[in-house]
């Protein structure tokens, strides 16, 4: 038997690589995204495409991934195209993806829904954060293509409806890869350098979803949301909706409609001024009539027609008040006098002098003139003052009996 040829791992891997790769240079695969990881350092995306039975490793290089409109997520069903490659260092085969799209739904539509959901959760669509569009702006900024029909339509309507409005045009690309960057930069530039603008019109004419896509880009949406100048989004036709429409302070169905919304026509404005003038005039007439009636009422009052009678009436009222005061005071004094008499009678009843009138006496020791309550307090020859009901007299103690 011939001796077997012994190969190195690298040689075996290279043989397999040479056998497999030429047969799978353009493979289309459908499945579900799994283990999706994006590496910011390289920009590459690593993932797996799987079905219920098998799994295929996959790699999206940065130059392919940067052109994806939608965001890859685990569980997303996709259709991919690429070539099978054997990664020698690990002995693994995988598909190098050159094209990828969502299964059953267009990539742009999915990207639109993903970004809409993301910004909605951040609150960028909330009505509470939207600014009021000025009633009659004096300076209007327009961000659109210089050569597009949208600019012509806007200028024609603005000229017809209110010719003396000031307009600042910032031309940008509205289609293609550079459009999103130019639109966002224009919004930021006008906010920084032209803050006196009353409103910004941002948009373009109609087209396909791909044509309008610049207004579905996140960079444009965030620039509109950050604008301190009120914004009106006017992209495509009435049936077209973009992310810019949801973020802007106001959505106009078309560029022409935006021009009609942003300024009143001369006729509408004159009619409104005429209405204000009539209301003001009627208000003045009512005020004059009301004040005139009040003046006539005052002039016909007794203060002006019979001033002496008014003085006499007031003097009579003063006299009546004086009489009421005197009567009140008299009644008050009588009540207090009666109360005093009652208290005096009660005091008389409790007075010790009243007791003396009934035959009792009070004895005072002299010279201290202290009341004698006990016989032990005096002795023979002490002087004593005796007070009775009708007077008093002085006497000397001859003897005492403590019993």
Protein backbone atom coordinates (compact mmCIF):
# COMPACT_ATOMS: atom_id res chain seq x y z
CA UNK A 1 0.00 0.00 0.00
CA UNK A 2 1.12 3.53 -0.82
CA UNK A 3 2.05 5.69 2.14
CA UNK A 4 -0.73 8.31 2.85
CA UNK A 5 0.04 11.96 2.17
CA UNK A 6 -0.12 13.93 5.39
CA UNK A 7 -1.52 17.48 5.01
CA UNK A 8 -1.28 20.43 7.34
CA UNK A 9 -4.40 22.10 8.64
CA UNK A 10 -3.74 25.08 6.39
CA UNK A 11 -3.42 22.84 3.34
CA UNK A 12 -6.70 21.08 4.11
CA UNK A 13 -8.42 24.41 4.67
CA UNK A 14 -7.10 25.81 1.41
CA UNK A 15 -8.25 22.72 -0.50
CA UNK A 16 -11.76 23.09 0.94
CA UNK A 17 -11.68 26.81 0.18
CA UNK A 18 -10.71 26.13 -3.44
CA UNK A 19 -13.46 23.54 -3.72
CA UNK A 20 -16.27 25.57 -2.19
CA UNK A 21 -15.83 29.25 -3.00
CA UNK A 22 -15.91 29.05 -6.83
CA UNK A 23 -19.26 27.23 -6.68
CA UNK A 24 -20.95 29.81 -4.43
CA UNK A 25 -19.99 33.21 -5.82
CA UNK A 26 -23.56 34.55 -6.05
CA UNK A 27 -25.89 33.00 -3.49
CA UNK A 28 -29.34 34.23 -2.46
CA UNK A 29 -30.45 33.18 1.00
CA UNK A 30 -33.53 33.94 3.11
CA UNK A 31 -33.81 33.54 6.85
CA UNK A 32 -34.02 35.23 10.22
CA UNK A 33 -31.34 37.53 11.62
CA UNK A 34 -29.71 36.23 14.80
CA UNK A 35 -26.77 37.29 17.03
CA UNK A 36 -26.45 40.60 15.19
CA UNK A 37 -23.44 42.64 16.41
CA UNK A 38 -22.10 45.89 15.03
CA UNK A 39 -18.50 46.87 15.76
CA UNK A 40 -17.87 50.62 15.71
CA UNK A 41 -14.07 50.24 15.44
CA UNK A 42 -14.21 48.47 12.06
CA UNK A 43 -17.75 49.32 11.00
CA UNK A 44 -18.39 45.66 10.14
CA UNK A 45 -21.55 43.81 11.16
CA UNK A 46 -21.44 40.15 12.24
CA UNK A 47 -24.63 38.09 12.29
CA UNK A 48 -26.21 34.73 11.55
CA UNK A 49 -28.97 33.85 9.09
CA UNK A 50 -31.03 30.96 10.41
CA UNK A 51 -34.19 28.95 9.82
CA UNK A 52 -35.82 26.28 11.98
CA UNK A 53 -33.11 23.69 11.20
CA UNK A 54 -29.84 25.40 10.30
CA UNK A 55 -27.71 28.49 10.80
CA UNK A 56 -25.32 30.32 8.47
CA UNK A 57 -22.74 32.80 9.75
CA UNK A 58 -22.63 36.07 7.84
CA UNK A 59 -20.55 39.23 7.58
CA UNK A 60 -21.43 42.68 6.24
CA UNK A 61 -18.41 44.83 5.54
CA UNK A 62 -18.54 48.52 6.51
CA UNK A 63 -18.69 49.76 2.88
CA UNK A 64 -21.89 47.74 2.42
CA UNK A 65 -23.41 48.42 5.85
CA UNK A 66 -23.11 52.20 5.64
CA UNK A 67 -25.58 52.21 2.73
CA UNK A 68 -28.29 50.30 4.61
CA UNK A 69 -31.42 52.40 5.08
CA UNK A 70 -32.94 50.20 7.79
CA UNK A 71 -31.56 48.88 11.08
CA UNK A 72 -30.71 45.19 11.43
CA UNK A 73 -32.34 43.55 14.46
CA UNK A 74 -32.50 39.99 15.79
CA UNK A 75 -35.66 38.28 14.58
CA UNK A 76 -35.92 40.33 11.38
CA UNK A 77 -36.60 38.18 8.31
CA UNK A 78 -34.33 39.13 5.42
CA UNK A 79 -33.21 38.17 1.93
CA UNK A 80 -29.47 38.41 1.37
CA UNK A 81 -27.13 38.00 -1.55
CA UNK A 82 -23.40 37.34 -1.46
CA UNK A 83 -20.65 34.77 -1.79
CA UNK A 84 -19.63 31.91 0.46
CA UNK A 85 -16.16 32.29 1.92
CA UNK A 86 -14.09 30.04 4.16
CA UNK A 87 -12.39 31.87 7.04
CA UNK A 88 -9.13 29.90 7.31
CA UNK A 89 -8.11 30.96 10.81
CA UNK A 90 -11.22 29.41 12.34
CA UNK A 91 -12.10 26.87 9.71
CA UNK A 92 -15.56 28.41 9.39
CA UNK A 93 -17.50 29.18 6.29
CA UNK A 94 -19.81 32.17 6.06
CA UNK A 95 -21.58 34.32 3.56
CA UNK A 96 -20.13 37.73 2.76
CA UNK A 97 -23.27 39.81 2.22
CA UNK A 98 -23.26 42.32 -0.62
CA UNK A 99 -27.01 42.98 -0.64
CA UNK A 100 -29.70 42.67 2.03
CA UNK A 101 -33.37 43.60 2.19
CA UNK A 102 -36.27 42.80 4.52
CA UNK A 103 -38.38 39.84 3.45
CA UNK A 104 -41.93 40.83 2.53
CA UNK A 105 -41.35 44.56 3.08
CA UNK A 106 -39.18 47.10 1.29
CA UNK A 107 -36.01 48.31 2.97
CA UNK A 108 -37.06 51.95 2.76
CA UNK A 109 -40.48 51.28 4.24
CA UNK A 110 -38.95 49.34 7.11
CA UNK A 111 -36.37 52.08 7.71
CA UNK A 112 -39.17 54.65 7.73
CA UNK A 113 -41.14 52.70 10.35
CA UNK A 114 -38.06 52.06 12.51
CA UNK A 115 -37.02 55.71 12.59
CA UNK A 116 -40.58 56.87 13.15
CA UNK A 117 -40.93 54.58 16.16
CA UNK A 118 -37.55 55.67 17.56
CA UNK A 119 -38.22 59.41 17.31
CA UNK A 120 -41.77 59.02 18.57
CA UNK A 121 -40.49 57.35 21.74
CA UNK A 122 -38.11 60.29 22.23
CA UNK A 123 -41.08 62.69 22.11
CA UNK A 124 -40.06 64.53 18.94
CA UNK A 125 -43.57 64.26 17.53
CA UNK A 126 -45.33 65.66 20.63
CA UNK A 127 -47.63 68.57 19.93
CA UNK A 128 -46.53 70.28 23.15
CA UNK A 129 -43.01 70.91 21.79
CA UNK A 130 -44.16 72.43 18.48
CA UNK A 131 -43.83 76.18 18.00
CA UNK A 132 -46.58 78.51 16.80
CA UNK A 133 -46.34 79.66 13.18
CA UNK A 134 -46.42 83.51 13.07
CA UNK A 135 -49.68 85.06 11.89
CA UNK A 136 -48.03 87.31 9.31
CA UNK A 137 -44.30 86.59 8.93
CA UNK A 138 -42.14 89.34 7.53
CA UNK A 139 -39.07 87.21 6.74
CA UNK A 140 -39.38 83.70 5.32
CA UNK A 141 -36.54 81.22 4.77
CA UNK A 142 -36.87 78.55 2.08
CA UNK A 143 -34.72 75.40 2.01
CA UNK A 144 -35.17 73.51 -1.27
CA UNK A 145 -33.61 72.92 -4.66
CA UNK A 146 -32.74 76.02 -6.68
CA UNK A 147 -33.95 74.39 -9.91
CA UNK A 148 -37.01 72.55 -8.62
CA UNK A 149 -40.62 73.35 -9.46
CA UNK A 150 -41.36 73.62 -5.74
CA UNK A 151 -39.37 76.86 -5.40
CA UNK A 152 -41.12 78.39 -8.42
CA UNK A 153 -44.55 77.49 -7.02
CA UNK A 154 -43.74 78.91 -3.59
CA UNK A 155 -42.39 82.20 -4.95
CA UNK A 156 -45.35 82.64 -7.33
CA UNK A 157 -47.91 82.21 -4.55
CA UNK A 158 -46.03 84.41 -2.09
CA UNK A 159 -45.79 87.16 -4.72
CA UNK A 160 -49.49 86.93 -5.50
CA UNK A 161 -50.70 86.79 -1.91
CA UNK A 162 -48.38 89.33 -0.28
CA UNK A 163 -45.71 90.84 -2.52
CA UNK A 164 -43.74 92.77 0.13
CA UNK A 165 -42.66 89.79 2.26
CA UNK A 166 -38.85 89.31 2.56
CA UNK A 167 -37.59 85.92 1.31
CA UNK A 168 -34.25 84.20 1.92
CA UNK A 169 -33.52 81.14 -0.24
CA UNK A 170 -30.94 78.56 0.86
CA UNK A 171 -30.53 76.15 -2.09
CA UNK A 172 -29.74 72.52 -1.31
CA UNK A 173 -29.82 69.12 -2.95
CA UNK A 174 -33.12 67.39 -2.25
CA UNK A 175 -32.21 64.01 -3.73
CA UNK A 176 -29.21 61.72 -3.58
CA UNK A 177 -26.72 60.70 -0.92
CA UNK A 178 -25.52 64.26 -0.15
CA UNK A 179 -29.02 65.72 0.18
CA UNK A 180 -29.56 64.83 3.86
CA UNK A 181 -26.29 66.48 4.89
CA UNK A 182 -26.99 69.66 2.93
CA UNK A 183 -30.57 70.01 4.25
CA UNK A 184 -29.51 69.51 7.88
CA UNK A 185 -26.58 71.92 7.45
CA UNK A 186 -28.89 74.56 5.89
CA UNK A 187 -31.28 74.39 8.86
CA UNK A 188 -28.42 74.76 11.32
CA UNK A 189 -26.84 77.60 9.31
CA UNK A 190 -30.01 79.69 9.10
CA UNK A 191 -30.69 79.22 12.83
CA UNK A 192 -27.16 80.35 13.68
CA UNK A 193 -26.81 83.22 11.20
CA UNK A 194 -30.37 84.35 10.42
CA UNK A 195 -32.32 84.12 13.70
CA UNK A 196 -34.51 87.02 12.57
CA UNK A 197 -36.34 84.68 10.16
CA UNK A 198 -39.96 84.18 11.22
CA UNK A 199 -40.45 80.76 9.62
CA UNK A 200 -38.60 78.11 7.56
CA UNK A 201 -40.17 76.25 4.62
CA UNK A 202 -38.38 72.91 4.11
CA UNK A 203 -39.36 70.62 1.25
CA UNK A 204 -39.46 69.66 -2.40
CA UNK A 205 -41.89 68.55 -5.09
CA UNK A 206 -43.33 65.08 -5.57
CA UNK A 207 -41.50 61.88 -6.42
CA UNK A 208 -41.05 58.26 -5.47
CA UNK A 209 -40.20 57.08 -1.98
CA UNK A 210 -36.56 56.95 -3.02
CA UNK A 211 -36.72 60.50 -4.37
CA UNK A 212 -38.16 61.85 -1.10
CA UNK A 213 -35.89 59.80 1.12
CA UNK A 214 -33.62 62.67 2.20
CA UNK A 215 -36.56 63.96 4.28
CA UNK A 216 -36.78 60.57 6.04
CA UNK A 217 -33.18 60.70 7.27
CA UNK A 218 -32.52 60.98 11.01
CA UNK A 219 -30.01 63.81 10.61
CA UNK A 220 -32.65 65.97 8.90
CA UNK A 221 -35.34 65.09 11.46
CA UNK A 222 -33.09 66.07 14.37
CA UNK A 223 -32.05 69.32 12.69
CA UNK A 224 -35.72 70.27 12.26
CA UNK A 225 -36.49 69.32 15.87
CA UNK A 226 -33.59 71.46 17.12
CA UNK A 227 -34.58 74.51 15.04
CA UNK A 228 -35.44 77.59 17.10
CA UNK A 229 -37.11 79.10 14.02
CA UNK A 230 -40.63 77.69 13.46
CA UNK A 231 -40.62 75.12 10.65
CA UNK A 232 -43.10 74.01 7.99
CA UNK A 233 -42.44 70.71 6.20
CA UNK A 234 -43.74 70.66 2.64
CA UNK A 235 -42.57 67.49 0.90
CA UNK A 236 -44.14 65.85 -2.15
CA UNK A 237 -47.86 65.54 -2.71
CA UNK A 238 -50.74 65.41 -0.26
CA UNK A 239 -50.58 61.61 0.02
CA UNK A 240 -46.84 61.63 0.79
CA UNK A 241 -45.74 61.54 4.41
CA UNK A 242 -42.13 61.85 5.59
CA UNK A 243 -40.43 61.87 8.97
CA UNK A 244 -39.89 65.61 8.48
CA UNK A 245 -43.66 66.09 8.44
CA UNK A 246 -44.01 64.54 11.90
CA UNK A 247 -41.11 66.48 13.45
CA UNK A 248 -41.80 69.93 11.95
CA UNK A 249 -43.98 72.46 13.75
CA UNK A 250 -46.49 72.27 10.89
CA UNK A 251 -47.00 69.96 7.91
CA UNK A 252 -48.17 71.34 4.57
CA UNK A 253 -49.43 68.80 2.01
CA UNK A 254 -47.49 70.47 -0.83
CA UNK A 255 -44.97 73.32 -1.27
CA UNK A 256 -47.72 75.45 -2.81
CA UNK A 257 -49.96 74.81 0.20
CA UNK A 258 -47.10 75.85 2.49
CA UNK A 259 -46.88 79.20 0.73
CA UNK A 260 -50.64 79.68 1.08
CA UNK A 261 -50.54 78.75 4.76
CA UNK A 262 -47.57 80.87 5.73
CA UNK A 263 -49.01 84.21 4.55
CA UNK A 264 -52.47 85.63 4.26
CA UNK A 265 -53.55 87.02 0.91
CA UNK A 266 -53.91 90.78 0.61
CA UNK A 267 -57.66 90.40 0.25
CA UNK A 268 -57.94 88.21 3.35
CA UNK A 269 -55.76 90.59 5.32
CA UNK A 270 -57.69 93.67 4.21
CA UNK A 271 -60.98 91.94 5.06
CA UNK A 272 -59.66 91.03 8.48
CA UNK A 273 -58.45 94.58 9.09
CA UNK A 274 -61.84 95.87 7.96
CA UNK A 275 -63.51 93.52 10.44
CA UNK A 276 -61.25 94.74 13.24
CA UNK A 277 -61.98 98.34 12.26
CA UNK A 278 -65.75 97.80 12.40
CA UNK A 279 -65.51 96.05 15.76
CA UNK A 280 -63.34 98.85 17.13
CA UNK A 281 -65.75 101.48 15.81
CA UNK A 282 -68.77 99.72 17.32
CA UNK A 283 -66.94 99.41 20.61
CA UNK A 284 -66.14 103.13 20.63
CA UNK A 285 -69.76 104.03 19.79
CA UNK A 286 -71.01 101.84 22.64
CA UNK A 287 -68.51 103.38 25.07
CA UNK A 288 -69.44 106.94 24.02
CA UNK A 289 -73.17 106.19 24.33
CA UNK A 290 -72.68 104.55 27.70
CA UNK A 291 -70.58 107.43 29.05
CA UNK A 292 -73.03 109.95 27.60
CA UNK A 293 -75.92 108.24 29.38
CA UNK A 294 -74.03 108.23 32.65
CA UNK A 295 -73.15 111.93 32.20
CA UNK A 296 -76.80 112.85 31.53
CA UNK A 297 -77.86 110.88 34.58
CA UNK A 298 -75.32 112.75 36.72
CA UNK A 299 -76.29 116.10 35.27
CA UNK A 300 -79.99 115.47 36.03
CA UNK A 301 -79.31 114.45 39.64
CA UNK A 302 -80.14 116.78 42.56
CA UNK A 303 -76.43 117.48 43.11
CA UNK A 304 -76.45 119.66 40.01
CA UNK A 305 -80.13 120.68 39.73
CA UNK A 306 -80.84 121.44 43.44
CA UNK A 307 -77.53 121.76 45.29
CA UNK A 308 -79.13 123.73 48.23
CA UNK A 309 -81.75 121.03 48.70
CA UNK A 310 -79.02 118.43 48.82
CA UNK A 311 -77.19 120.43 51.52
CA UNK A 312 -80.41 120.80 53.54
CA UNK A 313 -81.11 117.08 53.19
CA UNK A 314 -77.62 116.19 54.39
CA UNK A 315 -77.94 118.63 57.32
CA UNK A 316 -81.24 117.00 58.29
CA UNK A 317 -79.58 113.62 58.10
CA UNK A 318 -76.76 114.93 60.34
CA UNK A 319 -79.33 116.27 62.81
CA UNK A 320 -81.13 112.94 62.87
CA UNK A 321 -77.85 111.15 63.46
CA UNK A 322 -76.96 113.59 66.28
CA UNK A 323 -80.34 113.00 67.94
CA UNK A 324 -79.88 109.24 67.64
CA UNK A 325 -76.44 109.55 69.23
CA UNK A 326 -77.78 111.65 72.13
CA UNK A 327 -80.65 109.25 72.77
CA UNK A 328 -78.29 106.32 72.65
CA UNK A 329 -75.93 107.98 75.12
CA UNK A 330 -78.81 108.88 77.46
CA UNK A 331 -80.12 105.35 77.37
CA UNK A 332 -76.61 104.04 78.02
CA UNK A 333 -76.13 106.35 81.05
CA UNK A 334 -79.52 105.34 82.47
CA UNK A 335 -78.63 101.67 82.17
CA UNK A 336 -75.27 102.20 83.88
CA UNK A 337 -76.85 104.34 86.64
CA UNK A 338 -79.36 101.65 87.38
CA UNK A 339 -76.58 99.07 87.53
CA UNK A 340 -74.71 101.36 89.96
CA UNK A 341 -77.70 101.67 92.22
CA UNK A 342 -78.14 97.91 92.32
CA UNK A 343 -74.51 97.44 93.23
CA UNK A 344 -74.75 100.17 95.92
CA UNK A 345 -77.71 98.41 97.48
CA UNK A 346 -75.85 95.12 97.52
CA UNK A 347 -72.85 96.86 99.08
CA UNK A 348 -75.03 98.47 101.74
CA UNK A 349 -76.43 95.08 102.71
CA UNK A 350 -72.94 93.68 103.13
CA UNK A 351 -71.55 96.84 104.88
CA UNK A 352 -70.55 96.43 108.59
CA UNK A 353 -72.06 99.89 109.31
CA UNK A 354 -75.44 98.47 108.42
CA UNK A 355 -74.89 95.80 111.07
CA UNK A 356 -74.08 98.47 113.69
CA UNK A 357 -77.49 100.06 113.17
CA UNK A 358 -79.02 96.92 114.55
CA UNK A 359 -77.36 97.42 118.05
CA UNK A 360 -73.89 96.05 117.43
CA UNK A 361 -70.62 97.93 118.07
CA UNK A 362 -66.99 97.77 116.97
CA UNK A 363 -64.20 98.22 119.54
CA UNK A 364 -60.80 99.67 118.54
CA UNK A 365 -57.70 99.58 120.75
CA UNK A 366 -56.06 102.96 121.05
CA UNK A 367 -53.77 104.42 120.05
CA UNK A 368 -53.19 101.70 117.35
CA UNK A 369 -56.87 101.81 116.41
CA UNK A 370 -56.88 98.08 115.73
CA UNK A 371 -60.09 96.09 116.00
CA UNK A 372 -60.32 94.13 119.25
CA UNK A 373 -61.33 90.57 118.52
CA UNK A 374 -60.29 88.94 121.82
CA UNK A 375 -60.30 90.13 125.46
CA UNK A 376 -56.70 89.02 125.78
CA UNK A 377 -55.72 91.85 123.47
CA UNK A 378 -56.47 94.54 126.17
CA UNK A 379 -55.84 95.18 129.85
CA UNK A 380 -57.11 97.53 132.57
CA UNK A 381 -56.61 101.25 131.93
CA UNK A 382 -56.32 100.73 128.11
CA UNK A 383 -58.14 103.31 126.04
CA UNK A 384 -60.79 101.90 123.70
CA UNK A 385 -62.77 103.55 120.92
CA UNK A 386 -66.31 102.24 120.57
CA UNK A 387 -68.16 102.75 117.25
CA UNK A 388 -71.96 102.29 117.25
CA UNK A 389 -74.64 102.84 114.62
CA UNK A 390 -75.00 106.59 115.19
CA UNK A 391 -71.50 107.60 116.25
CA UNK A 392 -68.51 106.71 118.43
CA UNK A 393 -67.09 107.38 121.90
CA UNK A 394 -63.89 106.76 123.85
CA UNK A 395 -63.69 104.83 127.11
CA UNK A 396 -61.22 103.16 129.44
CA UNK A 397 -61.09 99.50 130.45
CA UNK A 398 -61.90 99.04 134.14
CA UNK A 399 -61.82 95.27 134.10
CA UNK A 400 -62.06 92.32 131.67
CA UNK A 401 -63.54 88.87 131.79
CA UNK A 402 -61.95 86.43 129.31
CA UNK A 403 -64.83 83.99 129.85
